[in-house]
Amino acid sequence: MDDIHSCSYHCQNPVCIKAQRDELFAKHLVSSEKHFDMGWNAALDTAAEYIGEIKGFGQATQDSFAVYIRGLKR
């Protein structure tokens, strides 16, 4: 029969080390993706706002590009 094992982040059991590594990686990945998405969405909003400053495009083309750019948001 196996003993119940409870540990902290100082445990040297290889299974625990892997589980801790995977947990930290998952937390970091989710946090990184959230921050990337926030930056990505803000950049797209800024691009859509400034599309009107591009010379040579008519209003309909500017509006189409703005809608397309906003559609890329995550």
C-alpha atoms as a PDB file:
ATOM      1  CA  MET A   1       0.000   0.000   0.000  1.00  0.00           C
ATOM      2  CA  ASP A   2       1.311   3.454  -0.893  1.00  0.00           C
ATOM      3  CA  ASP A   3       1.571   6.139   1.711  1.00  0.00           C
ATOM      4  CA  ILE A   4      -0.262   9.388   1.169  1.00  0.00           C
ATOM      5  CA  HIS A   5       2.264  11.921  -0.008  1.00  0.00           C
ATOM      6  CA  SER A   6       1.787  15.628   0.499  1.00  0.00           C
ATOM      7  CA  CYS A   7       4.619  17.907  -0.347  1.00  0.00           C
ATOM      8  CA  SER A   8       5.687  21.465  -0.864  1.00  0.00           C
ATOM      9  CA  TYR A   9       7.730  23.013  -3.626  1.00  0.00           C
ATOM     10  CA  HIS A  10      10.843  21.735  -1.849  1.00  0.00           C
ATOM     11  CA  CYS A  11       9.983  18.091  -2.472  1.00  0.00           C
ATOM     12  CA  GLN A  12      12.609  16.131  -4.413  1.00  0.00           C
ATOM     13  CA  ASN A  13      10.266  13.379  -5.602  1.00  0.00           C
ATOM     14  CA  PRO A  14      10.639  13.335  -9.444  1.00  0.00           C
ATOM     15  CA  VAL A  15       6.878  12.965  -9.963  1.00  0.00           C
ATOM     16  CA  CYS A  16       6.251  16.000  -7.746  1.00  0.00           C
ATOM     17  CA  ILE A  17       8.945  18.041  -9.494  1.00  0.00           C
ATOM     18  CA  LYS A  18       7.332  17.323 -12.872  1.00  0.00           C
ATOM     19  CA  ALA A  19       3.856  18.167 -11.566  1.00  0.00           C
ATOM     20  CA  GLN A  20       5.115  21.437 -10.072  1.00  0.00           C
ATOM     21  CA  ARG A  21       6.927  22.325 -13.303  1.00  0.00           C
ATOM     22  CA  ASP A  22       3.824  21.618 -15.370  1.00  0.00           C
ATOM     23  CA  GLU A  23       1.641  23.652 -13.004  1.00  0.00           C
ATOM     24  CA  LEU A  24       3.962  26.662 -13.103  1.00  0.00           C
ATOM     25  CA  PHE A  25       4.273  26.425 -16.891  1.00  0.00           C
ATOM     26  CA  ALA A  26       0.496  26.338 -17.307  1.00  0.00           C
ATOM     27  CA  LYS A  27       0.026  29.355 -15.027  1.00  0.00           C
ATOM     28  CA  HIS A  28       2.721  31.320 -16.868  1.00  0.00           C
ATOM     29  CA  LEU A  29       1.392  30.346 -20.290  1.00  0.00           C
ATOM     30  CA  VAL A  30      -2.144  31.476 -19.486  1.00  0.00           C
ATOM     31  CA  SER A  31      -0.846  34.743 -18.025  1.00  0.00           C
ATOM     32  CA  SER A  32       1.415  35.365 -21.041  1.00  0.00           C
ATOM     33  CA  GLU A  33      -1.376  34.658 -23.523  1.00  0.00           C
ATOM     34  CA  LYS A  34      -3.714  37.021 -21.671  1.00  0.00           C
ATOM     35  CA  HIS A  35      -1.159  39.845 -21.747  1.00  0.00           C
ATOM     36  CA  PHE A  36      -0.348  39.175 -25.403  1.00  0.00           C
ATOM     37  CA  ASP A  37      -4.032  39.244 -26.339  1.00  0.00           C
ATOM     38  CA  MET A  38      -4.544  42.521 -24.469  1.00  0.00           C
ATOM     39  CA  GLY A  39      -1.581  44.091 -26.300  1.00  0.00           C
ATOM     40  CA  TRP A  40      -2.655  42.603 -29.625  1.00  0.00           C
ATOM     41  CA  ASN A  41      -6.190  43.932 -29.277  1.00  0.00           C
ATOM     42  CA  ALA A  42      -4.972  47.386 -28.246  1.00  0.00           C
ATOM     43  CA  ALA A  43      -2.614  47.502 -31.244  1.00  0.00           C
ATOM     44  CA  LEU A  44      -5.455  46.550 -33.586  1.00  0.00           C
ATOM     45  CA  ASP A  45      -7.703  49.232 -32.112  1.00  0.00           C
ATOM     46  CA  THR A  46      -4.953  51.810 -32.643  1.00  0.00           C
ATOM     47  CA  ALA A  47      -4.383  50.651 -36.222  1.00  0.00           C
ATOM     48  CA  ALA A  48      -8.107  50.857 -36.960  1.00  0.00           C
ATOM     49  CA  GLU A  49      -8.219  54.393 -35.552  1.00  0.00           C
ATOM     50  CA  TYR A  50      -5.313  55.578 -37.712  1.00  0.00           C
ATOM     51  CA  ILE A  51      -6.386  53.884 -40.956  1.00  0.00           C
ATOM     52  CA  GLY A  52      -7.953  57.186 -42.015  1.00  0.00           C
ATOM     53  CA  GLU A  53      -4.519  58.813 -42.144  1.00  0.00           C
ATOM     54  CA  ILE A  54      -3.367  56.618 -45.018  1.00  0.00           C
ATOM     55  CA  LYS A  55      -3.345  58.762 -48.148  1.00  0.00           C
ATOM     56  CA  GLY A  56      -4.892  57.448 -51.338  1.00  0.00           C
ATOM     57  CA  PHE A  57      -7.735  55.436 -49.802  1.00  0.00           C
ATOM     58  CA  GLY A  58     -11.329  56.498 -50.209  1.00  0.00           C
ATOM     59  CA  GLN A  59     -13.675  56.512 -47.231  1.00  0.00           C
ATOM     60  CA  ALA A  60     -15.236  53.161 -48.167  1.00  0.00           C
ATOM     61  CA  THR A  61     -11.805  51.502 -48.337  1.00  0.00           C
ATOM     62  CA  GLN A  62     -10.787  53.036 -45.002  1.00  0.00           C
ATOM     63  CA  ASP A  63     -13.979  51.797 -43.385  1.00  0.00           C
ATOM     64  CA  SER A  64     -13.487  48.305 -44.848  1.00  0.00           C
ATOM     65  CA  PHE A  65      -9.919  48.120 -43.547  1.00  0.00           C
ATOM     66  CA  ALA A  66     -10.997  49.322 -40.101  1.00  0.00           C
ATOM     67  CA  VAL A  67     -13.693  46.610 -39.913  1.00  0.00           C
ATOM     68  CA  TYR A  68     -11.196  43.977 -41.119  1.00  0.00           C
ATOM     69  CA  ILE A  69      -8.549  45.031 -38.587  1.00  0.00           C
ATOM     70  CA  ARG A  70     -11.026  44.955 -35.697  1.00  0.00           C
ATOM     71  CA  GLY A  71     -12.100  41.493 -36.864  1.00  0.00           C
ATOM     72  CA  LEU A  72      -8.596  40.202 -36.111  1.00  0.00           C
ATOM     73  CA  LYS A  73      -9.042  40.760 -32.385  1.00  0.00           C
ATOM     74  CA  ARG A  74      -8.710  37.759 -30.102  1.00  0.00           C
END
